[in-house]
Amino acid sequence: MIVNFDNAATTFPKPSSVTSALYGATKRYGGNAGRGGHRLTAITTEKIFDTRQAAADFFGAQPENTVFTMNCTHSLNLAIQGIMSGGGHIIISGIEHNSSARPVYALAQKGRCTFSIAEVGKTDEETVNNFRKLIRHNTKAIVCTIAGNVTGQIMPYKQLGKLCLEKDICFIADGAQACGVLDIKMSDGINILCTSGHKGLYGPSGTGILISDCKFLIDPLMQGGTGSSVFNLKHPDYLPDSLESGTPNTWGVIALKQGIDFVARKTPAKIYAHENNLCSRFIKGLEGTDAIIYRNRDLSYVPVVSFNIPGVKPEQTAYVLDKHGFCLRAGLHCAPLAHHSLGTENGTVRFSPSVFNNEKQVDDLVKIIKNKNKFSESY
């Protein structure tokens, strides 16, 4: 039996409603949404809009400002490169995923922007002040993850939203690790929310969301067919069409609605409570061992725990756990900035449960970790 504790990468298993919707979509919704007037297109377009409405309602947004993407990386690239298309200065945090850091770095390498990295402090106030001190006259945007993907640290995103409002700066929030376990709303001060569909929203892979409050114009990275303004060679300049060139992942988007509905019914608060309980049980189970847990008691976290066993490489730990049926991710988690901040240049092992995991699975995992003889096995 395989037990997935790598849900920060993608949640699995999915709710049965999601898998049923995905299969059903392949049977019933084969039209190209927004292209054509026949009934096959009409019913497919309607189903796509249903998901758009569900996502907008979930995040307190308008459906016309809700854009479907391939994943959170796609959303962040659209947001970052779209906002910074005219140049300027941008600030990112010291724990950003490469999905944010690499687009910013690439723009800087091409001479299209400058950037600064705000150090994450020991308190939220210190972190916000670190961002504030880096703001320049030409600062256009702050990009910050709502919760880090390595340790799960919750960033002071609401305070950063207020700072951006005060300075008339665009706040781009990476919600990949937060959406679905925290009650994230656009009213939290977010101008552009980027998130995945396949993580905390329990949708299929190949789905992502970008939501804008339309205060800041996002120049599109792609131009092409949208099904609208077809007689005009100029690409549409209104959402969602301006950022949705080409045929979407129709079946994935349709199934994503069931994932959003699943989370909405359970509520992020109850999902967080369940998963946080499993994290607390995991941490408590390792008490008295020499395992290193990368958490600060003065900070808050989503249900993610990074740890290491002294003398054992993270990859070896994950390898041994995998041999016993437990899937955990080891390494740098596509977030070298975060590991630099932690001082874990060799990476960590990440434990990230989902709503479908249970206490017995956690206890069984802890038993394996406590058995030091297991880690002397060949690697």
Protein backbone atom coordinates (compact mmCIF):
# COMPACT_ATOMS: atom_id res chain seq x y z
CA MET A 1 0.00 0.00 0.00
CA ILE A 2 1.26 3.48 -0.87
CA VAL A 3 0.65 6.34 1.57
CA ASN A 4 1.07 9.79 0.08
CA PHE A 5 2.57 12.37 2.43
CA ASP A 6 3.73 14.56 -0.45
CA ASN A 7 0.48 16.46 -0.87
CA ALA A 8 2.27 19.82 -0.98
CA ALA A 9 3.38 18.75 -4.46
CA THR A 10 -0.06 17.55 -5.52
CA THR A 11 -2.93 16.13 -3.51
CA PHE A 12 -3.62 12.45 -4.05
CA PRO A 13 -5.96 10.69 -3.89
CA LYS A 14 -8.60 13.02 -5.29
CA PRO A 15 -12.23 13.11 -4.14
CA SER A 16 -14.39 10.62 -6.01
CA SER A 17 -16.49 13.53 -7.26
CA VAL A 18 -13.43 14.91 -9.07
CA THR A 19 -12.50 11.64 -10.76
CA SER A 20 -16.13 11.06 -11.76
CA ALA A 21 -16.40 14.57 -13.19
CA LEU A 22 -13.17 14.15 -15.12
CA TYR A 23 -14.34 10.88 -16.65
CA GLY A 24 -17.80 12.26 -17.32
CA ALA A 25 -16.38 15.32 -19.06
CA THR A 26 -14.52 13.14 -21.54
CA LYS A 27 -17.86 11.56 -22.42
CA ARG A 28 -20.11 14.61 -22.57
CA TYR A 29 -18.20 17.87 -22.96
CA GLY A 30 -16.17 17.68 -26.14
CA GLY A 31 -16.91 21.14 -27.50
CA ASN A 32 -14.36 23.96 -27.74
CA ALA A 33 -15.63 26.47 -25.19
CA GLY A 34 -16.47 29.87 -26.64
CA ARG A 35 -15.82 28.77 -30.22
CA GLY A 36 -18.95 28.25 -32.28
CA GLY A 37 -22.70 28.35 -31.70
CA HIS A 38 -23.65 24.68 -31.84
CA ARG A 39 -24.98 22.81 -28.83
CA LEU A 40 -21.78 20.88 -28.08
CA THR A 41 -19.88 24.13 -27.71
CA ALA A 42 -22.74 25.72 -25.76
CA ILE A 43 -22.93 23.05 -23.06
CA THR A 44 -19.13 22.93 -22.72
CA THR A 45 -18.94 26.73 -22.42
CA GLU A 46 -21.57 26.62 -19.70
CA LYS A 47 -19.64 24.03 -17.70
CA ILE A 48 -16.43 26.07 -17.97
CA PHE A 49 -18.31 29.12 -16.68
CA ASP A 50 -19.68 27.08 -13.76
CA THR A 51 -16.11 26.44 -12.61
CA ARG A 52 -15.19 30.09 -13.16
CA GLN A 53 -18.12 31.15 -10.98
CA ALA A 54 -17.25 28.59 -8.28
CA ALA A 55 -13.63 29.78 -8.13
CA ALA A 56 -14.70 33.43 -8.03
CA ASP A 57 -17.17 32.76 -5.21
CA PHE A 58 -14.57 30.77 -3.26
CA PHE A 59 -12.01 33.60 -3.35
CA GLY A 60 -14.40 36.55 -3.20
CA ALA A 61 -13.82 37.67 -6.77
CA GLN A 62 -15.69 38.32 -9.99
CA PRO A 63 -15.97 35.48 -12.53
CA GLU A 64 -14.89 37.71 -15.42
CA ASN A 65 -11.61 38.39 -13.57
CA THR A 66 -10.94 34.69 -12.98
CA VAL A 67 -8.49 33.15 -15.43
CA PHE A 68 -7.72 29.47 -15.95
CA THR A 69 -4.08 28.47 -16.38
CA MET A 70 -2.05 25.26 -16.50
CA ASN A 71 -0.73 25.54 -12.94
CA CYS A 72 0.46 28.08 -10.36
CA THR A 73 3.78 28.51 -12.19
CA HIS A 74 1.88 29.55 -15.30
CA SER A 75 -0.21 31.99 -13.26
CA LEU A 76 2.85 33.55 -11.63
CA ASN A 77 4.60 33.97 -14.96
CA LEU A 78 1.55 35.69 -16.42
CA ALA A 79 1.33 37.99 -13.41
CA ILE A 80 5.01 38.82 -12.96
CA GLN A 81 5.94 39.24 -16.59
CA GLY A 82 2.66 40.97 -17.36
CA ILE A 83 2.98 43.54 -14.60
CA MET A 84 6.71 44.14 -15.19
CA SER A 85 6.49 44.34 -18.99
CA GLY A 86 7.32 48.04 -18.91
CA GLY A 87 10.28 47.68 -16.56
CA GLY A 88 10.73 48.88 -13.01
CA HIS A 89 11.66 47.35 -9.67
CA ILE A 90 10.12 44.28 -8.01
CA ILE A 91 10.57 42.76 -4.54
CA ILE A 92 10.30 39.06 -3.65
CA SER A 93 10.67 37.31 -0.32
CA GLY A 94 13.61 35.21 0.78
CA ILE A 95 11.55 32.01 0.78
CA GLU A 96 10.00 32.21 -2.68
CA HIS A 97 9.53 29.17 -4.88
CA ASN A 98 11.38 29.18 -8.20
CA SER A 99 8.01 29.77 -9.86
CA SER A 100 8.35 33.37 -8.68
CA ALA A 101 12.09 33.74 -8.34
CA ARG A 102 13.05 32.49 -11.81
CA PRO A 103 10.72 34.74 -13.84
CA VAL A 104 11.98 37.74 -11.86
CA TYR A 105 15.61 36.71 -12.32
CA ALA A 106 15.08 36.09 -16.04
CA LEU A 107 13.62 39.57 -16.52
CA ALA A 108 16.54 41.10 -14.62
CA GLN A 109 19.06 39.17 -16.73
CA LYS A 110 17.49 40.64 -19.85
CA GLY A 111 17.72 44.13 -18.37
CA ARG A 112 13.95 44.46 -18.22
CA CYS A 113 13.70 45.03 -14.46
CA THR A 114 15.64 45.20 -11.23
CA PHE A 115 14.76 43.23 -8.13
CA SER A 116 15.43 42.93 -4.41
CA ILE A 117 14.99 40.03 -1.99
CA ALA A 118 13.37 40.79 1.36
CA GLU A 119 14.75 38.69 4.19
CA VAL A 120 12.16 36.81 6.21
CA GLY A 121 12.54 37.89 9.82
CA LYS A 122 11.90 36.17 13.10
CA THR A 123 8.60 38.04 13.46
CA ASP A 124 5.95 39.17 10.98
CA GLU A 125 6.65 42.80 11.85
CA GLU A 126 10.32 42.38 11.03
CA THR A 127 9.47 40.75 7.71
CA VAL A 128 7.09 43.55 6.71
CA ASN A 129 9.68 46.16 7.66
CA ASN A 130 12.26 44.36 5.53
CA PHE A 131 9.94 44.70 2.55
CA ARG A 132 9.19 48.33 3.37
CA LYS A 133 12.89 49.27 3.48
CA LEU A 134 13.42 47.90 -0.04
CA ILE A 135 10.67 49.94 -1.72
CA ARG A 136 11.99 52.41 -4.29
CA HIS A 137 10.37 55.18 -6.32
CA ASN A 138 9.99 52.77 -9.26
CA THR A 139 8.88 49.67 -7.34
CA LYS A 140 5.95 48.19 -9.25
CA ALA A 141 5.19 44.97 -7.40
CA ILE A 142 5.76 42.81 -4.38
CA VAL A 143 5.60 39.06 -4.93
CA CYS A 144 5.20 36.91 -1.85
CA THR A 145 4.04 33.41 -1.12
CA ILE A 146 1.17 33.23 1.35
CA ALA A 147 2.74 30.11 2.85
CA GLY A 148 6.18 28.72 2.08
CA ASN A 149 6.40 25.35 0.40
CA VAL A 150 9.41 24.14 2.42
CA THR A 151 8.38 24.68 6.05
CA GLY A 152 4.81 25.87 5.52
CA GLN A 153 5.51 29.21 7.23
CA ILE A 154 2.57 31.58 6.84
CA MET A 155 3.79 34.95 5.68
CA PRO A 156 2.22 38.27 6.83
CA TYR A 157 0.34 38.55 3.57
CA LYS A 158 -2.45 40.76 4.88
CA GLN A 159 0.06 43.26 6.25
CA LEU A 160 1.92 43.19 2.94
CA GLY A 161 -1.36 43.85 1.17
CA LYS A 162 -1.86 46.96 3.31
CA LEU A 163 1.70 48.07 2.59
CA CYS A 164 1.14 47.70 -1.15
CA LEU A 165 -2.12 49.64 -0.95
CA GLU A 166 -0.34 52.41 0.96
CA LYS A 167 2.43 52.62 -1.65
CA ASP A 168 0.23 51.96 -4.72
CA ILE A 169 2.20 48.80 -5.51
CA CYS A 170 0.78 45.64 -7.05
CA PHE A 171 0.63 42.73 -4.60
CA ILE A 172 1.03 39.37 -6.34
CA ALA A 173 0.33 36.49 -3.94
CA ASP A 174 1.39 32.87 -4.48
CA GLY A 175 -1.36 30.79 -2.92
CA ALA A 176 -0.15 27.34 -3.98
CA GLN A 177 0.35 26.06 -0.42
CA ALA A 178 -2.37 28.14 1.23
CA CYS A 179 -5.48 27.96 -0.94
CA GLY A 180 -7.75 25.24 0.37
CA VAL A 181 -6.35 25.21 3.92
CA LEU A 182 -6.56 28.93 4.68
CA ASP A 183 -9.61 31.09 3.96
CA ILE A 184 -7.96 33.26 1.31
CA LYS A 185 -9.98 36.15 -0.13
CA MET A 186 -9.11 38.91 -2.58
CA SER A 187 -10.26 41.35 0.11
CA ASP A 188 -7.15 40.37 2.10
CA GLY A 189 -5.35 43.08 0.10
CA ILE A 190 -4.39 40.88 -2.84
CA ASN A 191 -4.30 42.43 -6.30
CA ILE A 192 -3.40 39.24 -8.16
CA LEU A 193 -3.84 35.78 -6.66
CA CYS A 194 -2.03 32.88 -8.30
CA THR A 195 -2.71 29.30 -7.30
CA SER A 196 -2.82 25.73 -8.50
CA GLY A 197 -5.91 23.64 -9.03
CA HIS A 198 -4.24 20.32 -8.26
CA LYS A 199 -3.03 21.00 -4.72
CA GLY A 200 -5.29 22.25 -1.93
CA LEU A 201 -8.26 22.60 -4.28
CA TYR A 202 -8.09 18.84 -5.07
CA GLY A 203 -8.52 19.29 -8.81
CA PRO A 204 -6.70 17.47 -11.63
CA SER A 205 -3.13 18.19 -12.68
CA GLY A 206 -2.84 20.74 -15.45
CA THR A 207 -5.16 23.24 -13.77
CA GLY A 208 -4.34 26.60 -12.24
CA ILE A 209 -6.04 29.89 -11.46
CA LEU A 210 -5.13 33.57 -11.71
CA ILE A 211 -7.52 36.10 -10.19
CA SER A 212 -7.12 39.87 -10.55
CA ASP A 213 -8.91 42.81 -8.98
CA CYS A 214 -8.11 44.65 -12.25
CA LYS A 215 -6.38 47.55 -10.48
CA PHE A 216 -3.17 46.79 -12.38
CA LEU A 217 -3.05 45.94 -16.07
CA ILE A 218 -1.49 42.55 -16.91
CA ASP A 219 0.05 42.60 -20.37
CA PRO A 220 -0.52 39.16 -21.96
CA LEU A 221 2.42 36.90 -22.74
CA MET A 222 0.51 35.12 -25.51
CA GLN A 223 -1.81 36.25 -28.24
CA GLY A 224 -4.12 34.04 -30.23
CA GLY A 225 -7.59 32.64 -30.53
CA THR A 226 -9.97 33.51 -27.71
CA GLY A 227 -13.34 33.13 -29.40
CA SER A 228 -13.94 36.87 -28.93
CA SER A 229 -13.16 39.92 -31.09
CA VAL A 230 -12.36 37.53 -33.93
CA PHE A 231 -12.45 40.19 -36.67
CA ASN A 232 -9.82 42.28 -34.90
CA LEU A 233 -6.12 41.37 -35.18
CA LYS A 234 -5.55 43.20 -31.93
CA HIS A 235 -5.66 40.77 -29.01
CA PRO A 236 -8.49 41.39 -26.49
CA ASP A 237 -7.48 43.66 -23.61
CA TYR A 238 -10.10 42.46 -21.12
CA LEU A 239 -10.16 39.51 -18.74
CA PRO A 240 -10.40 36.58 -18.87
CA ASP A 241 -9.91 36.56 -22.65
CA SER A 242 -6.65 38.55 -22.65
CA LEU A 243 -4.90 35.82 -20.63
CA GLU A 244 -6.69 32.75 -22.01
CA SER A 245 -5.36 32.28 -25.55
CA GLY A 246 -6.11 28.92 -27.14
CA THR A 247 -8.19 25.97 -26.06
CA PRO A 248 -8.17 25.46 -22.27
CA ASN A 249 -7.77 22.21 -20.39
CA THR A 250 -11.52 21.78 -20.75
CA TRP A 251 -11.96 18.49 -18.93
CA GLY A 252 -9.55 19.44 -16.15
CA VAL A 253 -11.30 22.76 -15.57
CA ILE A 254 -14.71 21.08 -15.44
CA ALA A 255 -13.46 18.57 -12.86
CA LEU A 256 -11.80 21.36 -10.87
CA LYS A 257 -15.22 22.67 -9.90
CA GLN A 258 -15.85 19.46 -8.00
CA GLY A 259 -12.57 19.94 -6.13
CA ILE A 260 -13.52 23.50 -5.19
CA ASP A 261 -16.98 22.34 -4.12
CA PHE A 262 -15.40 19.56 -2.05
CA VAL A 263 -13.20 22.05 -0.18
CA ALA A 264 -16.04 24.55 0.21
CA ARG A 265 -18.30 21.89 1.77
CA LYS A 266 -15.67 20.72 4.22
CA THR A 267 -14.40 24.31 4.69
CA PRO A 268 -10.72 25.27 4.74
CA ALA A 269 -10.91 25.66 8.51
CA LYS A 270 -11.87 22.02 9.08
CA ILE A 271 -9.35 20.78 6.52
CA TYR A 272 -6.64 22.83 8.21
CA ALA A 273 -7.63 21.47 11.64
CA HIS A 274 -7.45 17.86 10.43
CA GLU A 275 -4.16 18.22 8.63
CA ASN A 276 -2.62 20.36 11.37
CA ASN A 277 -3.53 17.68 13.90
CA LEU A 278 -1.61 15.14 11.80
CA CYS A 279 1.39 17.47 11.66
CA SER A 280 1.29 17.98 15.43
CA ARG A 281 1.06 14.22 15.93
CA PHE A 282 4.02 13.72 13.61
CA ILE A 283 6.12 16.31 15.44
CA LYS A 284 5.17 14.92 18.86
CA GLY A 285 5.99 11.40 17.67
CA LEU A 286 9.53 12.48 16.89
CA GLU A 287 10.08 14.05 20.31
CA GLY A 288 13.00 12.43 22.09
CA THR A 289 14.72 11.56 18.82
CA ASP A 290 17.54 13.53 17.22
CA ALA A 291 15.34 14.54 14.27
CA ILE A 292 15.55 18.24 13.42
CA ILE A 293 12.20 19.96 12.87
CA TYR A 294 12.37 23.25 10.99
CA ARG A 295 9.76 25.29 12.81
CA ASN A 296 9.75 28.43 14.97
CA ARG A 297 7.28 28.42 17.86
CA ASP A 298 6.65 32.13 17.39
CA LEU A 299 5.41 31.73 13.80
CA SER A 300 2.38 30.12 12.16
CA TYR A 301 2.39 27.34 9.59
CA VAL A 302 0.13 25.56 7.15
CA PRO A 303 0.15 21.74 7.48
CA VAL A 304 3.68 21.12 6.18
CA VAL A 305 6.66 19.89 8.22
CA SER A 306 10.27 19.85 7.05
CA PHE A 307 12.74 17.70 8.96
CA ASN A 308 16.12 16.01 8.76
CA ILE A 309 17.81 13.10 10.49
CA PRO A 310 21.38 14.05 11.45
CA GLY A 311 23.95 12.09 9.49
CA VAL A 312 21.43 10.93 6.91
CA LYS A 313 20.99 12.70 3.60
CA PRO A 314 17.41 13.82 2.91
CA GLU A 315 17.31 11.69 -0.24
CA GLN A 316 18.35 8.62 1.72
CA THR A 317 15.63 9.22 4.30
CA ALA A 318 13.00 9.53 1.57
CA TYR A 319 14.38 6.45 -0.19
CA VAL A 320 14.04 4.30 2.92
CA LEU A 321 10.57 5.62 3.69
CA ASP A 322 9.50 4.94 0.11
CA LYS A 323 10.65 1.31 0.45
CA HIS A 324 8.21 1.04 3.36
CA GLY A 325 5.32 2.55 1.42
CA PHE A 326 5.51 6.23 2.46
CA CYS A 327 5.91 8.97 -0.14
CA LEU A 328 7.68 12.08 1.16
CA ARG A 329 9.66 14.58 -0.87
CA ALA A 330 13.34 15.20 -0.22
CA GLY A 331 15.71 17.82 -1.57
CA LEU A 332 15.40 21.53 -2.25
CA HIS A 333 11.71 21.51 -3.25
CA CYS A 334 12.35 23.98 -6.10
CA ALA A 335 12.96 26.66 -3.45
CA PRO A 336 16.71 27.29 -3.07
CA LEU A 337 16.08 30.73 -1.56
CA ALA A 338 14.13 29.16 1.29
CA HIS A 339 16.85 26.59 1.98
CA HIS A 340 19.49 29.30 1.91
CA SER A 341 17.46 31.17 4.55
CA LEU A 342 17.15 27.98 6.63
CA GLY A 343 20.79 27.03 6.21
CA THR A 344 19.78 23.66 4.75
CA GLU A 345 21.83 23.69 1.56
CA ASN A 346 21.41 19.91 1.22
CA GLY A 347 17.65 20.21 1.55
CA THR A 348 15.14 18.61 3.89
CA VAL A 349 12.51 15.88 3.94
CA ARG A 350 8.99 17.28 3.70
CA PHE A 351 5.92 15.77 5.36
CA SER A 352 2.65 17.14 3.96
CA PRO A 353 -0.63 15.31 4.71
CA SER A 354 -4.00 15.75 3.06
CA VAL A 355 -7.59 15.47 4.17
CA PHE A 356 -7.46 11.75 3.25
CA ASN A 357 -4.60 10.82 5.60
CA ASN A 358 -5.18 9.54 9.12
CA GLU A 359 -3.48 9.20 12.51
CA LYS A 360 -2.56 5.54 12.09
CA GLN A 361 -0.64 6.33 8.91
CA VAL A 362 1.27 9.03 10.79
CA ASP A 363 2.05 6.67 13.68
CA ASP A 364 3.29 3.99 11.28
CA LEU A 365 5.54 6.55 9.57
CA VAL A 366 6.99 7.67 12.90
CA LYS A 367 7.83 4.07 13.82
CA ILE A 368 9.90 3.70 10.67
CA ILE A 369 11.75 6.96 11.29
CA LYS A 370 12.49 5.96 14.89
CA ASN A 371 14.05 2.68 13.75
CA LYS A 372 17.61 3.86 13.08
CA ASN A 373 18.57 0.48 11.71
CA LYS A 374 16.34 1.13 8.71
CA PHE A 375 18.59 4.00 7.61
CA SER A 376 21.68 1.81 7.47
CA GLU A 377 20.15 0.07 4.48
CA SER A 378 21.89 0.48 1.13
CA TYR A 379 21.15 3.63 -0.79
